[in-house]
C-alpha atoms as a PDB file:
ATOM      1  CA  MET A   1      80.964  45.491 -63.613  1.00  0.00           C
ATOM      2  CA  LYS A   2      84.600  47.067 -64.061  1.00  0.00           C
ATOM      3  CA  HIS A   3      85.189  46.610 -60.020  1.00  0.00           C
ATOM      4  CA  LEU A   4      84.085  43.132 -60.243  1.00  0.00           C
ATOM      5  CA  ILE A   5      86.658  42.221 -62.893  1.00  0.00           C
ATOM      6  CA  LEU A   6      89.181  43.994 -60.904  1.00  0.00           C
ATOM      7  CA  PHE A   7      88.531  41.997 -57.736  1.00  0.00           C
ATOM      8  CA  PHE A   8      88.619  38.813 -59.730  1.00  0.00           C
ATOM      9  CA  LEU A   9      92.241  39.597 -61.040  1.00  0.00           C
ATOM     10  CA  LEU A  10      93.172  41.130 -57.409  1.00  0.00           C
ATOM     11  CA  ALA A  11      92.037  37.678 -55.735  1.00  0.00           C
ATOM     12  CA  SER A  12      92.862  35.209 -58.154  1.00  0.00           C
ATOM     13  CA  PRO A  13      96.715  33.724 -57.760  1.00  0.00           C
ATOM     14  CA  ALA A  14      99.449  34.935 -59.615  1.00  0.00           C
ATOM     15  CA  LEU A  15     100.266  32.248 -62.287  1.00  0.00           C
ATOM     16  CA  ALA A  16     103.917  30.930 -61.373  1.00  0.00           C
ATOM     17  CA  ASP A  17     106.148  30.252 -64.181  1.00  0.00           C
ATOM     18  CA  GLY A  18     106.683  26.825 -65.600  1.00  0.00           C
ATOM     19  CA  PRO A  19     109.751  25.347 -65.279  1.00  0.00           C
ATOM     20  CA  VAL A  20     112.298  25.762 -68.297  1.00  0.00           C
ATOM     21  CA  VAL A  21     114.631  23.873 -70.017  1.00  0.00           C
ATOM     22  CA  GLU A  22     117.918  26.605 -69.963  1.00  0.00           C
ATOM     23  CA  LYS A  23     120.592  24.251 -72.009  1.00  0.00           C
ATOM     24  CA  ALA A  24     121.427  20.696 -72.481  1.00  0.00           C
ATOM     25  CA  THR A  25     123.529  18.632 -73.127  1.00  0.00           C
ATOM     26  CA  ALA A  26     124.196  14.705 -74.142  1.00  0.00           C
ATOM     27  CA  GLN A  27     127.019  12.392 -74.987  1.00  0.00           C
ATOM     28  CA  ARG A  28     127.470   8.613 -75.742  1.00  0.00           C
ATOM     29  CA  ALA A  29     128.478   6.881 -72.030  1.00  0.00           C
ATOM     30  CA  GLY A  30     128.588   3.309 -72.697  1.00  0.00           C
ATOM     31  CA  ASP A  31     125.782   1.824 -74.760  1.00  0.00           C
ATOM     32  CA  GLY A  32     123.487   4.892 -73.602  1.00  0.00           C
ATOM     33  CA  TRP A  33     123.301   8.406 -73.733  1.00  0.00           C
ATOM     34  CA  ARG A  34     123.981  10.639 -70.539  1.00  0.00           C
ATOM     35  CA  PHE A  35     122.201  14.149 -70.502  1.00  0.00           C
ATOM     36  CA  ASP A  36     123.255  17.132 -68.508  1.00  0.00           C
ATOM     37  CA  VAL A  37     120.054  19.333 -68.175  1.00  0.00           C
ATOM     38  CA  THR A  38     119.910  22.836 -66.937  1.00  0.00           C
ATOM     39  CA  ILE A  39     116.532  23.652 -65.345  1.00  0.00           C
ATOM     40  CA  SER A  40     115.484  27.030 -64.192  1.00  0.00           C
ATOM     41  CA  HIS A  41     112.015  27.379 -61.729  1.00  0.00           C
ATOM     42  CA  PRO A  42     110.512  29.600 -59.650  1.00  0.00           C
ATOM     43  CA  ASP A  43     110.704  27.078 -56.641  1.00  0.00           C
ATOM     44  CA  THR A  44     108.940  28.161 -53.628  1.00  0.00           C
ATOM     45  CA  GLY A  45     109.267  25.382 -51.171  1.00  0.00           C
ATOM     46  CA  TRP A  46     107.839  21.492 -50.848  1.00  0.00           C
ATOM     47  CA  GLU A  47     104.583  22.816 -51.987  1.00  0.00           C
ATOM     48  CA  HIS A  48     106.146  24.134 -55.591  1.00  0.00           C
ATOM     49  CA  TYR A  49     109.538  23.212 -57.157  1.00  0.00           C
ATOM     50  CA  ALA A  50     110.494  21.617 -60.480  1.00  0.00           C
ATOM     51  CA  ASP A  51     110.115  17.774 -59.901  1.00  0.00           C
ATOM     52  CA  GLY A  52     111.682  16.195 -62.877  1.00  0.00           C
ATOM     53  CA  TRP A  53     112.550  16.337 -66.461  1.00  0.00           C
ATOM     54  CA  ARG A  54     112.641  13.686 -69.462  1.00  0.00           C
ATOM     55  CA  VAL A  55     114.021  12.902 -72.711  1.00  0.00           C
ATOM     56  CA  LEU A  56     111.730  12.264 -75.235  1.00  0.00           C
ATOM     57  CA  ASP A  57     112.559  11.142 -79.095  1.00  0.00           C
ATOM     58  CA  VAL A  58     110.917  13.348 -81.684  1.00  0.00           C
ATOM     59  CA  GLU A  59     107.897  11.636 -81.768  1.00  0.00           C
ATOM     60  CA  GLY A  60     107.379  12.454 -77.855  1.00  0.00           C
ATOM     61  CA  ASN A  61     107.615   9.203 -76.969  1.00  0.00           C
ATOM     62  CA  GLU A  62     109.849   9.129 -73.277  1.00  0.00           C
ATOM     63  CA  LEU A  63     112.967   7.200 -73.262  1.00  0.00           C
ATOM     64  CA  GLY A  64     114.187   8.520 -70.166  1.00  0.00           C
ATOM     65  CA  LEU A  65     113.333  10.248 -66.781  1.00  0.00           C
ATOM     66  CA  ARG A  66     114.869  12.360 -64.025  1.00  0.00           C
ATOM     67  CA  VAL A  67     112.876  12.661 -61.114  1.00  0.00           C
ATOM     68  CA  LEU A  68     113.825  15.798 -58.831  1.00  0.00           C
ATOM     69  CA  TYR A  69     113.032  14.786 -55.103  1.00  0.00           C
ATOM     70  CA  HIS A  70     113.615  18.283 -53.082  1.00  0.00           C
ATOM     71  CA  PRO A  71     113.024  21.810 -54.561  1.00  0.00           C
ATOM     72  CA  HIS A  72     115.959  24.132 -55.143  1.00  0.00           C
ATOM     73  CA  GLU A  73     115.135  27.760 -53.635  1.00  0.00           C
ATOM     74  CA  GLN A  74     118.680  28.726 -53.550  1.00  0.00           C
ATOM     75  CA  GLU A  75     119.945  26.887 -56.478  1.00  0.00           C
ATOM     76  CA  GLN A  76     118.751  28.546 -60.028  1.00  0.00           C
ATOM     77  CA  PRO A  77     119.713  27.456 -62.462  1.00  0.00           C
ATOM     78  CA  PHE A  78     120.582  24.109 -61.124  1.00  0.00           C
ATOM     79  CA  THR A  79     122.134  21.045 -63.504  1.00  0.00           C
ATOM     80  CA  ARG A  80     121.192  17.429 -62.822  1.00  0.00           C
ATOM     81  CA  SER A  81     122.275  14.667 -65.016  1.00  0.00           C
ATOM     82  CA  LEU A  82     120.709  11.189 -66.072  1.00  0.00           C
ATOM     83  CA  GLY A  83     122.494   8.397 -67.747  1.00  0.00           C
ATOM     84  CA  GLY A  84     122.048   5.259 -69.168  1.00  0.00           C
ATOM     85  CA  VAL A  85     119.527   6.716 -71.651  1.00  0.00           C
ATOM     86  CA  GLN A  86     118.423   4.537 -74.603  1.00  0.00           C
ATOM     87  CA  VAL A  87     118.245   6.777 -77.955  1.00  0.00           C
ATOM     88  CA  PRO A  88     117.220   4.742 -81.195  1.00  0.00           C
ATOM     89  CA  GLU A  89     119.829   4.056 -83.246  1.00  0.00           C
ATOM     90  CA  GLY A  90     120.054   6.955 -86.436  1.00  0.00           C
ATOM     91  CA  ALA A  91     118.380   9.631 -83.992  1.00  0.00           C
ATOM     92  CA  THR A  92     119.851  13.106 -84.645  1.00  0.00           C
ATOM     93  CA  GLN A  93     117.431  15.021 -82.058  1.00  0.00           C
ATOM     94  CA  VAL A  94     115.561  14.436 -78.782  1.00  0.00           C
ATOM     95  CA  GLN A  95     113.636  16.796 -76.645  1.00  0.00           C
ATOM     96  CA  ILE A  96     113.740  18.058 -73.146  1.00  0.00           C
ATOM     97  CA  GLN A  97     110.895  18.072 -71.381  1.00  0.00           C
ATOM     98  CA  ALA A  98     110.581  19.788 -67.735  1.00  0.00           C
ATOM     99  CA  ARG A  99     107.641  19.287 -65.088  1.00  0.00           C
ATOM    100  CA  CYS A 100     106.489  20.718 -61.743  1.00  0.00           C
ATOM    101  CA  ILE A 101     104.725  19.304 -59.142  1.00  0.00           C
ATOM    102  CA  VAL A 102     101.881  22.098 -59.172  1.00  0.00           C
ATOM    103  CA  ASP A 103     101.935  22.450 -63.099  1.00  0.00           C
ATOM    104  CA  GLY A 104     102.709  19.565 -64.253  1.00  0.00           C
ATOM    105  CA  TRP A 105     104.865  18.888 -67.553  1.00  0.00           C
ATOM    106  CA  ASN A 106     105.748  22.367 -69.421  1.00  0.00           C
ATOM    107  CA  THR A 107     104.081  22.376 -73.032  1.00  0.00           C
ATOM    108  CA  GLU A 108     107.387  23.989 -74.465  1.00  0.00           C
ATOM    109  CA  THR A 109     110.470  21.410 -75.027  1.00  0.00           C
ATOM    110  CA  TYR A 110     113.948  21.990 -75.627  1.00  0.00           C
ATOM    111  CA  THR A 111     115.158  20.366 -79.070  1.00  0.00           C
ATOM    112  CA  LEU A 112     118.780  19.083 -78.428  1.00  0.00           C
ATOM    113  CA  THR A 113     121.020  17.969 -81.356  1.00  0.00           C
ATOM    114  CA  LEU A 114     122.748  14.879 -80.879  1.00  0.00           C
ATOM    115  CA  PRO A 115     126.885  15.398 -81.039  1.00  0.00           C
END
């Protein structure tokens, strides 16, 4: 039995870490908000890379989506921006959530207090 368990542990692929929001900033820009988000993810190429992040309100409603169209194997962590995000008046916090093309949305979110 021990050999069978060991076989399955060795034969199964290693689970890659999901994309992580390392930091985020926000600033008012015109009638919306601009977000600069730094993500880290062990991109391996076109078959597995962080492909986006989104801004959510505190209830989990999507306010804006930044799609990432290519892997960032040689640039880790990396920062990308999204402007024109409409944040409800009076909101003091938002959440940032990252995703990758293999694992989907990370269950962990980054809470950002708005300036």
